[in-house]
Amino acid sequence: MSTPLSVGFLGLGAMGAPMALTLARAGFPVRGFDVSPRAQEHVGDAVALLPDPREAAAGADVVVVMVATGAQLHDVLFGERGIAGSLAPETVLLVMATVGPQAVESCAQGLEARGVRRVVDAPVSGGTARAATGDLLVMVGGAEEDVAAVRPLLDAMAANAPVVGPRVGDGQRFKVVNQLLCGVHIAVAGEALALADSMGLDPAQCLEVLSTGAATSFMFEDRGPRMLQGDQAEVRSALDIFVKDMGLVTDAARAVEQPVPLASAAEQLYVRGRREGHGRHDDSSVYDILRSR
């Protein structure tokens, strides 16, 4: 049997930790790094945590990056403790964060100038529960040989990991479309239940009845119950994430002069939610934001 790929995993937050644990359970040796001192609580002994990202990356066959923003990706690579100088020419950088096409393309260009050319762009969708069971959707962009090199990791983390384009950035473009749909669906689910409440209907009954018909969606059925739980809802996906992601959607649309009026309206709802102090709340709090009057 071939030796499993060695993995450096940078970013062990809400999504990164269960993804790293999934790889460890699948038999891959994983060294990890996260800026949070609580990362050890999330991964236990399954991942060898190191105090410096360069140590986690050095000598790894694949380095996975799972951060929140394009600025964080740039810092991980080129900042004060950036790993760009620790990547061997044969190492594959697997960017699984949602950072937008411009950020990942810029970083790939910066790495190429340093002699690092193997980059795969593979943002994920599915949430923390599916990350923990290896059932994510991963949208993969990159050169055929580089994608083939990381395919064992993708297959461990994902139920579906299609190649959506040959360029670094194609995965991010697909994820932008994905987030447009997700962000609008969550917003309209909150708007629908808020309208039901304002008309004197029982929102819980609306959720139950409409979930069986043509008006339903994954986000309506998934976020709807948490919308009705209010402040007691578990935070599974913070509203701040959609402030960032809907910004990526509208930025990408502006770059190609494509009108996205529904995405723009949803973005403003999330921005309003952050301004009103809901940024760290579950994104289902859009329901409460729309009910406030």
C-alpha atoms as a PDB file:
ATOM      1  CA  MET A   1       0.000   0.000   0.000  1.00  0.00           C
ATOM      2  CA  SER A   2       1.176   3.518  -0.767  1.00  0.00           C
ATOM      3  CA  THR A   3       2.105   5.877   2.039  1.00  0.00           C
ATOM      4  CA  PRO A   4      -0.760   8.298   2.787  1.00  0.00           C
ATOM      5  CA  LEU A   5      -0.247  11.940   1.926  1.00  0.00           C
ATOM      6  CA  SER A   6       1.052  14.088   4.763  1.00  0.00           C
ATOM      7  CA  VAL A   7      -1.088  17.137   5.454  1.00  0.00           C
ATOM      8  CA  GLY A   8      -0.464  20.557   6.928  1.00  0.00           C
ATOM      9  CA  PHE A   9      -3.821  22.078   7.922  1.00  0.00           C
ATOM     10  CA  LEU A  10      -3.970  25.814   8.579  1.00  0.00           C
ATOM     11  CA  GLY A  11      -7.212  27.088  10.079  1.00  0.00           C
ATOM     12  CA  LEU A  12      -8.962  24.904  12.631  1.00  0.00           C
ATOM     13  CA  GLY A  13     -12.125  26.872  13.235  1.00  0.00           C
ATOM     14  CA  ALA A  14     -15.761  25.826  12.972  1.00  0.00           C
ATOM     15  CA  MET A  15     -15.256  24.233   9.533  1.00  0.00           C
ATOM     16  CA  GLY A  16     -11.535  23.539   9.533  1.00  0.00           C
ATOM     17  CA  ALA A  17     -11.475  21.465  12.720  1.00  0.00           C
ATOM     18  CA  PRO A  18     -14.021  18.833  11.611  1.00  0.00           C
ATOM     19  CA  MET A  19     -12.416  18.700   8.156  1.00  0.00           C
ATOM     20  CA  ALA A  20      -8.989  18.065   9.685  1.00  0.00           C
ATOM     21  CA  LEU A  21     -10.458  15.412  11.983  1.00  0.00           C
ATOM     22  CA  THR A  22     -12.103  13.722   8.996  1.00  0.00           C
ATOM     23  CA  LEU A  23      -8.718  13.512   7.274  1.00  0.00           C
ATOM     24  CA  ALA A  24      -7.074  12.135  10.407  1.00  0.00           C
ATOM     25  CA  ARG A  25      -9.765   9.473  10.769  1.00  0.00           C
ATOM     26  CA  ALA A  26      -9.200   8.526   7.133  1.00  0.00           C
ATOM     27  CA  GLY A  27      -5.571   7.742   7.927  1.00  0.00           C
ATOM     28  CA  PHE A  28      -3.777  10.886   6.803  1.00  0.00           C
ATOM     29  CA  PRO A  29      -1.112  12.249   9.170  1.00  0.00           C
ATOM     30  CA  VAL A  30      -2.202  15.828   9.890  1.00  0.00           C
ATOM     31  CA  ARG A  31      -0.163  18.646  11.410  1.00  0.00           C
ATOM     32  CA  GLY A  32      -2.216  21.734  12.189  1.00  0.00           C
ATOM     33  CA  PHE A  33      -2.032  25.373  13.151  1.00  0.00           C
ATOM     34  CA  ASP A  34      -4.609  27.926  14.270  1.00  0.00           C
ATOM     35  CA  VAL A  35      -4.286  31.356  15.826  1.00  0.00           C
ATOM     36  CA  SER A  36      -6.818  30.434  18.521  1.00  0.00           C
ATOM     37  CA  PRO A  37      -5.420  28.851  21.698  1.00  0.00           C
ATOM     38  CA  ARG A  38      -8.640  26.811  21.881  1.00  0.00           C
ATOM     39  CA  ALA A  39      -7.876  24.859  18.707  1.00  0.00           C
ATOM     40  CA  GLN A  40      -6.642  21.906  20.754  1.00  0.00           C
ATOM     41  CA  GLU A  41     -10.104  21.548  22.272  1.00  0.00           C
ATOM     42  CA  HIS A  42     -11.549  21.161  18.785  1.00  0.00           C
ATOM     43  CA  VAL A  43      -9.171  18.519  17.437  1.00  0.00           C
ATOM     44  CA  GLY A  44      -7.868  16.708  20.530  1.00  0.00           C
ATOM     45  CA  ASP A  45      -4.912  14.423  19.895  1.00  0.00           C
ATOM     46  CA  ALA A  46      -5.937  13.488  16.355  1.00  0.00           C
ATOM     47  CA  VAL A  47      -4.095  16.475  14.881  1.00  0.00           C
ATOM     48  CA  ALA A  48      -0.543  17.398  15.877  1.00  0.00           C
ATOM     49  CA  LEU A  49      -0.826  21.104  16.672  1.00  0.00           C
ATOM     50  CA  LEU A  50       2.275  23.207  16.103  1.00  0.00           C
ATOM     51  CA  PRO A  51       2.968  26.751  17.348  1.00  0.00           C
ATOM     52  CA  ASP A  52       4.010  28.135  13.961  1.00  0.00           C
ATOM     53  CA  PRO A  53       2.243  27.770  10.598  1.00  0.00           C
ATOM     54  CA  ARG A  54       5.567  27.341   8.841  1.00  0.00           C
ATOM     55  CA  GLU A  55       6.281  24.259  10.941  1.00  0.00           C
ATOM     56  CA  ALA A  56       2.904  22.784  10.058  1.00  0.00           C
ATOM     57  CA  ALA A  57       3.513  23.393   6.353  1.00  0.00           C
ATOM     58  CA  ALA A  58       7.158  22.355   6.095  1.00  0.00           C
ATOM     59  CA  GLY A  59       7.605  18.981   4.392  1.00  0.00           C
ATOM     60  CA  ALA A  60       3.873  18.354   3.899  1.00  0.00           C
ATOM     61  CA  ASP A  61       2.679  16.794   0.653  1.00  0.00           C
ATOM     62  CA  VAL A  62      -0.448  18.970   0.776  1.00  0.00           C
ATOM     63  CA  VAL A  63      -1.099  22.159   2.739  1.00  0.00           C
ATOM     64  CA  VAL A  64      -4.793  22.884   3.291  1.00  0.00           C
ATOM     65  CA  VAL A  65      -5.828  26.459   4.085  1.00  0.00           C
ATOM     66  CA  MET A  66      -9.232  27.032   5.689  1.00  0.00           C
ATOM     67  CA  VAL A  67      -9.426  30.674   6.779  1.00  0.00           C
ATOM     68  CA  ALA A  68     -12.237  33.234   6.703  1.00  0.00           C
ATOM     69  CA  THR A  69     -11.158  35.986   4.321  1.00  0.00           C
ATOM     70  CA  GLY A  70      -8.904  36.834   1.417  1.00  0.00           C
ATOM     71  CA  ALA A  71      -6.817  39.055   3.694  1.00  0.00           C
ATOM     72  CA  GLN A  72      -6.236  36.098   6.031  1.00  0.00           C
ATOM     73  CA  LEU A  73      -5.214  33.903   3.086  1.00  0.00           C
ATOM     74  CA  HIS A  74      -2.685  36.513   1.989  1.00  0.00           C
ATOM     75  CA  ASP A  75      -1.339  36.783   5.541  1.00  0.00           C
ATOM     76  CA  VAL A  76      -1.024  32.999   5.890  1.00  0.00           C
ATOM     77  CA  LEU A  77       1.051  32.914   2.725  1.00  0.00           C
ATOM     78  CA  PHE A  78       3.011  36.159   2.737  1.00  0.00           C
ATOM     79  CA  GLY A  79       2.667  37.686   6.197  1.00  0.00           C
ATOM     80  CA  GLU A  80       5.195  37.832   9.019  1.00  0.00           C
ATOM     81  CA  ARG A  81       4.862  34.095   9.602  1.00  0.00           C
ATOM     82  CA  GLY A  82       3.812  33.332   6.031  1.00  0.00           C
ATOM     83  CA  ILE A  83       4.341  29.826   4.716  1.00  0.00           C
ATOM     84  CA  ALA A  84       5.287  30.728   1.134  1.00  0.00           C
ATOM     85  CA  GLY A  85       8.958  30.129   1.877  1.00  0.00           C
ATOM     86  CA  SER A  86       8.186  26.774   3.536  1.00  0.00           C
ATOM     87  CA  LEU A  87       6.444  25.253   0.510  1.00  0.00           C
ATOM     88  CA  ALA A  88       8.520  22.857  -1.566  1.00  0.00           C
ATOM     89  CA  PRO A  89       8.037  22.956  -5.357  1.00  0.00           C
ATOM     90  CA  GLU A  90       6.221  19.615  -5.231  1.00  0.00           C
ATOM     91  CA  THR A  91       3.885  20.629  -2.384  1.00  0.00           C
ATOM     92  CA  VAL A  92       0.268  21.279  -3.385  1.00  0.00           C
ATOM     93  CA  LEU A  93      -1.491  24.216  -1.732  1.00  0.00           C
ATOM     94  CA  LEU A  94      -5.181  23.337  -1.350  1.00  0.00           C
ATOM     95  CA  VAL A  95      -7.221  26.491  -0.702  1.00  0.00           C
ATOM     96  CA  MET A  96     -10.593  25.391   0.688  1.00  0.00           C
ATOM     97  CA  ALA A  97     -11.689  28.725   2.118  1.00  0.00           C
ATOM     98  CA  THR A  98     -14.290  30.956   0.487  1.00  0.00           C
ATOM     99  CA  VAL A  99     -12.250  34.036  -0.393  1.00  0.00           C
ATOM    100  CA  GLY A 100     -13.407  34.982  -3.910  1.00  0.00           C
ATOM    101  CA  PRO A 101     -11.664  34.559  -7.259  1.00  0.00           C
ATOM    102  CA  GLN A 102      -9.564  37.721  -7.077  1.00  0.00           C
ATOM    103  CA  ALA A 103      -7.938  36.785  -3.775  1.00  0.00           C
ATOM    104  CA  VAL A 104      -7.032  33.229  -4.744  1.00  0.00           C
ATOM    105  CA  GLU A 105      -5.751  34.279  -8.172  1.00  0.00           C
ATOM    106  CA  SER A 106      -3.603  37.024  -6.654  1.00  0.00           C
ATOM    107  CA  CYS A 107      -2.116  34.630  -4.110  1.00  0.00           C
ATOM    108  CA  ALA A 108      -1.428  32.005  -6.790  1.00  0.00           C
ATOM    109  CA  GLN A 109       0.433  34.611  -8.818  1.00  0.00           C
ATOM    110  CA  GLY A 110       2.469  35.613  -5.780  1.00  0.00           C
ATOM    111  CA  LEU A 111       3.394  31.989  -5.122  1.00  0.00           C
ATOM    112  CA  GLU A 112       4.340  31.387  -8.748  1.00  0.00           C
ATOM    113  CA  ALA A 113       6.787  34.279  -8.529  1.00  0.00           C
ATOM    114  CA  ARG A 114       8.416  32.343  -5.680  1.00  0.00           C
ATOM    115  CA  GLY A 115       8.565  29.097  -7.647  1.00  0.00           C
ATOM    116  CA  VAL A 116       5.455  27.495  -6.091  1.00  0.00           C
ATOM    117  CA  ARG A 117       3.091  26.546  -8.914  1.00  0.00           C
ATOM    118  CA  ARG A 118       0.880  23.781  -7.537  1.00  0.00           C
ATOM    119  CA  VAL A 119      -2.306  25.401  -6.268  1.00  0.00           C
ATOM    120  CA  VAL A 120      -5.798  23.890  -6.183  1.00  0.00           C
ATOM    121  CA  ASP A 121      -8.800  26.120  -5.529  1.00  0.00           C
ATOM    122  CA  ALA A 122     -11.483  24.083  -3.752  1.00  0.00           C
ATOM    123  CA  PRO A 123     -14.032  25.987  -1.624  1.00  0.00           C
ATOM    124  CA  VAL A 124     -16.556  23.924   0.301  1.00  0.00           C
ATOM    125  CA  SER A 125     -20.275  23.974   1.008  1.00  0.00           C
ATOM    126  CA  GLY A 126     -22.300  21.979   3.494  1.00  0.00           C
ATOM    127  CA  GLY A 127     -21.782  23.295   7.004  1.00  0.00           C
ATOM    128  CA  THR A 128     -20.138  21.893  10.091  1.00  0.00           C
ATOM    129  CA  ALA A 129     -22.277  18.745  10.381  1.00  0.00           C
ATOM    130  CA  ARG A 130     -21.373  17.563   6.888  1.00  0.00           C
ATOM    131  CA  ALA A 131     -17.746  18.579   7.431  1.00  0.00           C
ATOM    132  CA  ALA A 132     -17.634  16.185  10.386  1.00  0.00           C
ATOM    133  CA  THR A 133     -18.964  13.259   8.333  1.00  0.00           C
ATOM    134  CA  GLY A 134     -16.990  13.845   5.145  1.00  0.00           C
ATOM    135  CA  ASP A 135     -20.131  14.729   3.162  1.00  0.00           C
ATOM    136  CA  LEU A 136     -19.224  18.180   1.879  1.00  0.00           C
ATOM    137  CA  LEU A 137     -19.654  19.553  -1.609  1.00  0.00           C
ATOM    138  CA  VAL A 138     -16.280  20.786  -2.860  1.00  0.00           C
ATOM    139  CA  MET A 139     -16.008  22.864  -6.037  1.00  0.00           C
ATOM    140  CA  VAL A 140     -12.576  22.214  -7.504  1.00  0.00           C
ATOM    141  CA  GLY A 141     -10.547  24.379  -9.862  1.00  0.00           C
ATOM    142  CA  GLY A 142      -6.980  23.716 -10.945  1.00  0.00           C
ATOM    143  CA  ALA A 143      -4.636  21.876 -13.246  1.00  0.00           C
ATOM    144  CA  GLU A 144      -5.489  18.233 -13.860  1.00  0.00           C
ATOM    145  CA  GLU A 145      -2.278  16.838 -12.368  1.00  0.00           C
ATOM    146  CA  ASP A 146      -2.565  18.977  -9.240  1.00  0.00           C
ATOM    147  CA  VAL A 147      -6.194  18.009  -8.686  1.00  0.00           C
ATOM    148  CA  ALA A 148      -5.245  14.349  -9.128  1.00  0.00           C
ATOM    149  CA  ALA A 149      -2.563  14.739  -6.469  1.00  0.00           C
ATOM    150  CA  VAL A 150      -5.068  15.938  -3.844  1.00  0.00           C
ATOM    151  CA  ARG A 151      -7.944  13.699  -4.945  1.00  0.00           C
ATOM    152  CA  PRO A 152      -7.495  11.269  -1.986  1.00  0.00           C
ATOM    153  CA  LEU A 153      -8.048  14.168   0.436  1.00  0.00           C
ATOM    154  CA  LEU A 154     -11.023  15.502  -1.494  1.00  0.00           C
ATOM    155  CA  ASP A 155     -12.640  12.073  -1.543  1.00  0.00           C
ATOM    156  CA  ALA A 156     -12.196  11.775   2.231  1.00  0.00           C
ATOM    157  CA  MET A 157     -13.773  15.157   2.975  1.00  0.00           C
ATOM    158  CA  ALA A 158     -16.497  15.297   0.341  1.00  0.00           C
ATOM    159  CA  ALA A 159     -19.480  13.363  -0.910  1.00  0.00           C
ATOM    160  CA  ASN A 160     -19.082  15.257  -4.171  1.00  0.00           C
ATOM    161  CA  ALA A 161     -15.950  17.050  -5.391  1.00  0.00           C
ATOM    162  CA  PRO A 162     -16.379  17.820  -9.097  1.00  0.00           C
ATOM    163  CA  VAL A 163     -13.765  19.652 -11.108  1.00  0.00           C
ATOM    164  CA  VAL A 164     -15.557  22.815 -12.226  1.00  0.00           C
ATOM    165  CA  GLY A 165     -12.733  24.348 -14.238  1.00  0.00           C
ATOM    166  CA  PRO A 166      -9.022  24.084 -15.087  1.00  0.00           C
ATOM    167  CA  ARG A 167      -8.063  27.455 -13.611  1.00  0.00           C
ATOM    168  CA  VAL A 168      -7.303  28.455 -10.061  1.00  0.00           C
ATOM    169  CA  GLY A 169     -10.267  30.729  -9.343  1.00  0.00           C
ATOM    170  CA  ASP A 170     -12.885  28.606 -11.084  1.00  0.00           C
ATOM    171  CA  GLY A 171     -13.779  26.934  -7.794  1.00  0.00           C
ATOM    172  CA  GLN A 172     -14.273  30.353  -6.200  1.00  0.00           C
ATOM    173  CA  ARG A 173     -16.473  31.449  -9.102  1.00  0.00           C
ATOM    174  CA  PHE A 174     -18.684  28.414  -8.602  1.00  0.00           C
ATOM    175  CA  LYS A 175     -18.812  29.124  -4.863  1.00  0.00           C
ATOM    176  CA  VAL A 176     -19.895  32.708  -5.573  1.00  0.00           C
ATOM    177  CA  VAL A 177     -22.906  31.350  -7.478  1.00  0.00           C
ATOM    178  CA  ASN A 178     -23.571  28.904  -4.633  1.00  0.00           C
ATOM    179  CA  GLN A 179     -23.484  31.688  -2.041  1.00  0.00           C
ATOM    180  CA  LEU A 180     -25.783  33.908  -4.090  1.00  0.00           C
ATOM    181  CA  LEU A 181     -28.391  31.172  -3.933  1.00  0.00           C
ATOM    182  CA  CYS A 182     -27.795  30.380  -0.249  1.00  0.00           C
ATOM    183  CA  GLY A 183     -27.794  34.002   0.866  1.00  0.00           C
ATOM    184  CA  VAL A 184     -30.957  34.908  -1.025  1.00  0.00           C
ATOM    185  CA  HIS A 185     -32.740  31.730   0.106  1.00  0.00           C
ATOM    186  CA  ILE A 186     -32.017  32.437   3.790  1.00  0.00           C
ATOM    187  CA  ALA A 187     -33.129  36.053   3.442  1.00  0.00           C
ATOM    188  CA  VAL A 188     -36.364  35.177   1.681  1.00  0.00           C
ATOM    189  CA  ALA A 189     -37.125  32.429   4.204  1.00  0.00           C
ATOM    190  CA  GLY A 190     -36.842  35.000   6.988  1.00  0.00           C
ATOM    191  CA  GLU A 191     -38.954  37.466   5.015  1.00  0.00           C
ATOM    192  CA  ALA A 192     -41.680  34.884   4.410  1.00  0.00           C
ATOM    193  CA  LEU A 193     -41.965  33.869   8.062  1.00  0.00           C
ATOM    194  CA  ALA A 194     -41.869  37.517   9.162  1.00  0.00           C
ATOM    195  CA  LEU A 195     -44.744  38.258   6.783  1.00  0.00           C
ATOM    196  CA  ALA A 196     -46.690  35.316   8.181  1.00  0.00           C
ATOM    197  CA  ASP A 197     -46.165  36.624  11.708  1.00  0.00           C
ATOM    198  CA  SER A 198     -47.225  40.160  10.749  1.00  0.00           C
ATOM    199  CA  MET A 199     -50.439  38.838   9.185  1.00  0.00           C
ATOM    200  CA  GLY A 200     -51.346  37.026  12.406  1.00  0.00           C
ATOM    201  CA  LEU A 201     -50.524  33.548  11.153  1.00  0.00           C
ATOM    202  CA  ASP A 202     -48.631  30.958  13.166  1.00  0.00           C
ATOM    203  CA  PRO A 203     -45.082  30.962  11.717  1.00  0.00           C
ATOM    204  CA  ALA A 204     -44.481  27.441  13.014  1.00  0.00           C
ATOM    205  CA  GLN A 205     -47.515  26.151  11.147  1.00  0.00           C
ATOM    206  CA  CYS A 206     -46.418  28.033   8.006  1.00  0.00           C
ATOM    207  CA  LEU A 207     -43.037  26.362   8.231  1.00  0.00           C
ATOM    208  CA  GLU A 208     -44.604  22.932   8.704  1.00  0.00           C
ATOM    209  CA  VAL A 209     -47.156  23.281   5.904  1.00  0.00           C
ATOM    210  CA  LEU A 210     -45.070  25.110   3.311  1.00  0.00           C
ATOM    211  CA  SER A 211     -42.134  22.736   3.754  1.00  0.00           C
ATOM    212  CA  THR A 212     -44.268  20.060   2.075  1.00  0.00           C
ATOM    213  CA  GLY A 213     -44.990  22.071  -1.068  1.00  0.00           C
ATOM    214  CA  ALA A 214     -43.422  23.775  -4.047  1.00  0.00           C
ATOM    215  CA  ALA A 215     -42.352  26.839  -2.025  1.00  0.00           C
ATOM    216  CA  THR A 216     -39.852  24.953   0.110  1.00  0.00           C
ATOM    217  CA  SER A 217     -36.068  25.022  -0.120  1.00  0.00           C
ATOM    218  CA  PHE A 218     -33.183  23.500   1.801  1.00  0.00           C
ATOM    219  CA  MET A 219     -32.576  26.826   3.560  1.00  0.00           C
ATOM    220  CA  PHE A 220     -36.260  27.243   4.457  1.00  0.00           C
ATOM    221  CA  GLU A 221     -36.335  23.803   6.070  1.00  0.00           C
ATOM    222  CA  ASP A 222     -32.875  24.097   7.666  1.00  0.00           C
ATOM    223  CA  ARG A 223     -32.978  27.693   8.928  1.00  0.00           C
ATOM    224  CA  GLY A 224     -36.732  27.934   9.535  1.00  0.00           C
ATOM    225  CA  PRO A 225     -36.746  26.039  12.844  1.00  0.00           C
ATOM    226  CA  ARG A 226     -33.817  28.109  14.120  1.00  0.00           C
ATOM    227  CA  MET A 227     -35.591  31.306  13.066  1.00  0.00           C
ATOM    228  CA  LEU A 228     -38.458  30.364  15.354  1.00  0.00           C
ATOM    229  CA  GLN A 229     -36.096  29.580  18.234  1.00  0.00           C
ATOM    230  CA  GLY A 230     -34.920  33.199  18.340  1.00  0.00           C
ATOM    231  CA  ASP A 231     -32.124  33.920  20.821  1.00  0.00           C
ATOM    232  CA  GLN A 232     -32.063  30.247  21.834  1.00  0.00           C
ATOM    233  CA  ALA A 233     -30.954  29.117  18.356  1.00  0.00           C
ATOM    234  CA  GLU A 234     -27.631  27.335  18.141  1.00  0.00           C
ATOM    235  CA  VAL A 235     -25.069  29.324  16.159  1.00  0.00           C
ATOM    236  CA  ARG A 236     -24.217  27.007  13.274  1.00  0.00           C
ATOM    237  CA  SER A 237     -23.401  29.675  10.683  1.00  0.00           C
ATOM    238  CA  ALA A 238     -22.775  33.228  11.837  1.00  0.00           C
ATOM    239  CA  LEU A 239     -24.514  36.087  10.064  1.00  0.00           C
ATOM    240  CA  ASP A 240     -21.088  37.723   9.597  1.00  0.00           C
ATOM    241  CA  ILE A 241     -20.226  34.963   7.128  1.00  0.00           C
ATOM    242  CA  PHE A 242     -22.937  36.127   4.770  1.00  0.00           C
ATOM    243  CA  VAL A 243     -21.901  39.758   5.141  1.00  0.00           C
ATOM    244  CA  LYS A 244     -18.557  38.620   3.754  1.00  0.00           C
ATOM    245  CA  ASP A 245     -19.877  36.149   1.200  1.00  0.00           C
ATOM    246  CA  MET A 246     -22.585  38.372  -0.259  1.00  0.00           C
ATOM    247  CA  GLY A 247     -19.900  41.010  -0.640  1.00  0.00           C
ATOM    248  CA  LEU A 248     -17.912  38.495  -2.678  1.00  0.00           C
ATOM    249  CA  VAL A 249     -21.009  37.848  -4.787  1.00  0.00           C
ATOM    250  CA  THR A 250     -21.652  41.496  -5.562  1.00  0.00           C
ATOM    251  CA  ASP A 251     -17.935  42.172  -6.172  1.00  0.00           C
ATOM    252  CA  ALA A 252     -17.734  39.284  -8.639  1.00  0.00           C
ATOM    253  CA  ALA A 253     -20.912  40.403 -10.385  1.00  0.00           C
ATOM    254  CA  ARG A 254     -19.647  43.973 -10.659  1.00  0.00           C
ATOM    255  CA  ALA A 255     -16.417  42.737 -12.234  1.00  0.00           C
ATOM    256  CA  VAL A 256     -18.376  41.180 -15.115  1.00  0.00           C
ATOM    257  CA  GLU A 257     -21.095  43.871 -15.195  1.00  0.00           C
ATOM    258  CA  GLN A 258     -23.827  41.401 -14.250  1.00  0.00           C
ATOM    259  CA  PRO A 259     -26.841  42.820 -12.390  1.00  0.00           C
ATOM    260  CA  VAL A 260     -27.664  40.867  -9.206  1.00  0.00           C
ATOM    261  CA  PRO A 261     -30.532  42.831  -7.645  1.00  0.00           C
ATOM    262  CA  LEU A 262     -31.728  40.047  -5.328  1.00  0.00           C
ATOM    263  CA  ALA A 263     -28.208  39.382  -4.071  1.00  0.00           C
ATOM    264  CA  SER A 264     -27.721  43.099  -3.466  1.00  0.00           C
ATOM    265  CA  ALA A 265     -30.931  43.312  -1.449  1.00  0.00           C
ATOM    266  CA  ALA A 266     -29.954  40.281   0.629  1.00  0.00           C
ATOM    267  CA  GLU A 267     -26.485  41.735   1.213  1.00  0.00           C
ATOM    268  CA  GLN A 268     -28.024  44.890   2.655  1.00  0.00           C
ATOM    269  CA  LEU A 269     -30.140  42.815   5.038  1.00  0.00           C
ATOM    270  CA  TYR A 270     -27.038  41.049   6.366  1.00  0.00           C
ATOM    271  CA  VAL A 271     -25.159  44.347   6.659  1.00  0.00           C
ATOM    272  CA  ARG A 272     -28.099  45.749   8.617  1.00  0.00           C
ATOM    273  CA  GLY A 273     -28.000  42.713  10.883  1.00  0.00           C
ATOM    274  CA  ARG A 274     -24.316  43.212  11.646  1.00  0.00           C
ATOM    275  CA  ARG A 275     -24.907  46.905  12.380  1.00  0.00           C
ATOM    276  CA  GLU A 276     -27.679  45.973  14.802  1.00  0.00           C
ATOM    277  CA  GLY A 277     -25.393  43.589  16.680  1.00  0.00           C
ATOM    278  CA  HIS A 278     -26.364  40.250  15.119  1.00  0.00           C
ATOM    279  CA  GLY A 279     -23.035  39.541  13.434  1.00  0.00           C
ATOM    280  CA  ARG A 280     -22.065  36.676  15.744  1.00  0.00           C
ATOM    281  CA  HIS A 281     -25.623  35.325  15.919  1.00  0.00           C
ATOM    282  CA  ASP A 282     -26.830  32.519  13.689  1.00  0.00           C
ATOM    283  CA  ASP A 283     -27.719  33.725  10.191  1.00  0.00           C
ATOM    284  CA  SER A 284     -31.306  32.626  10.879  1.00  0.00           C
ATOM    285  CA  SER A 285     -31.533  35.852  12.919  1.00  0.00           C
ATOM    286  CA  VAL A 286     -32.556  37.616   9.691  1.00  0.00           C
ATOM    287  CA  TYR A 287     -36.075  36.634  10.781  1.00  0.00           C
ATOM    288  CA  ASP A 288     -35.757  38.694  13.975  1.00  0.00           C
ATOM    289  CA  ILE A 289     -34.217  41.578  12.048  1.00  0.00           C
ATOM    290  CA  LEU A 290     -37.181  41.673   9.667  1.00  0.00           C
ATOM    291  CA  ARG A 291     -39.728  41.379  12.501  1.00  0.00           C
ATOM    292  CA  SER A 292     -38.271  44.305  14.440  1.00  0.00           C
ATOM    293  CA  ARG A 293     -40.566  47.282  14.078  1.00  0.00           C
END
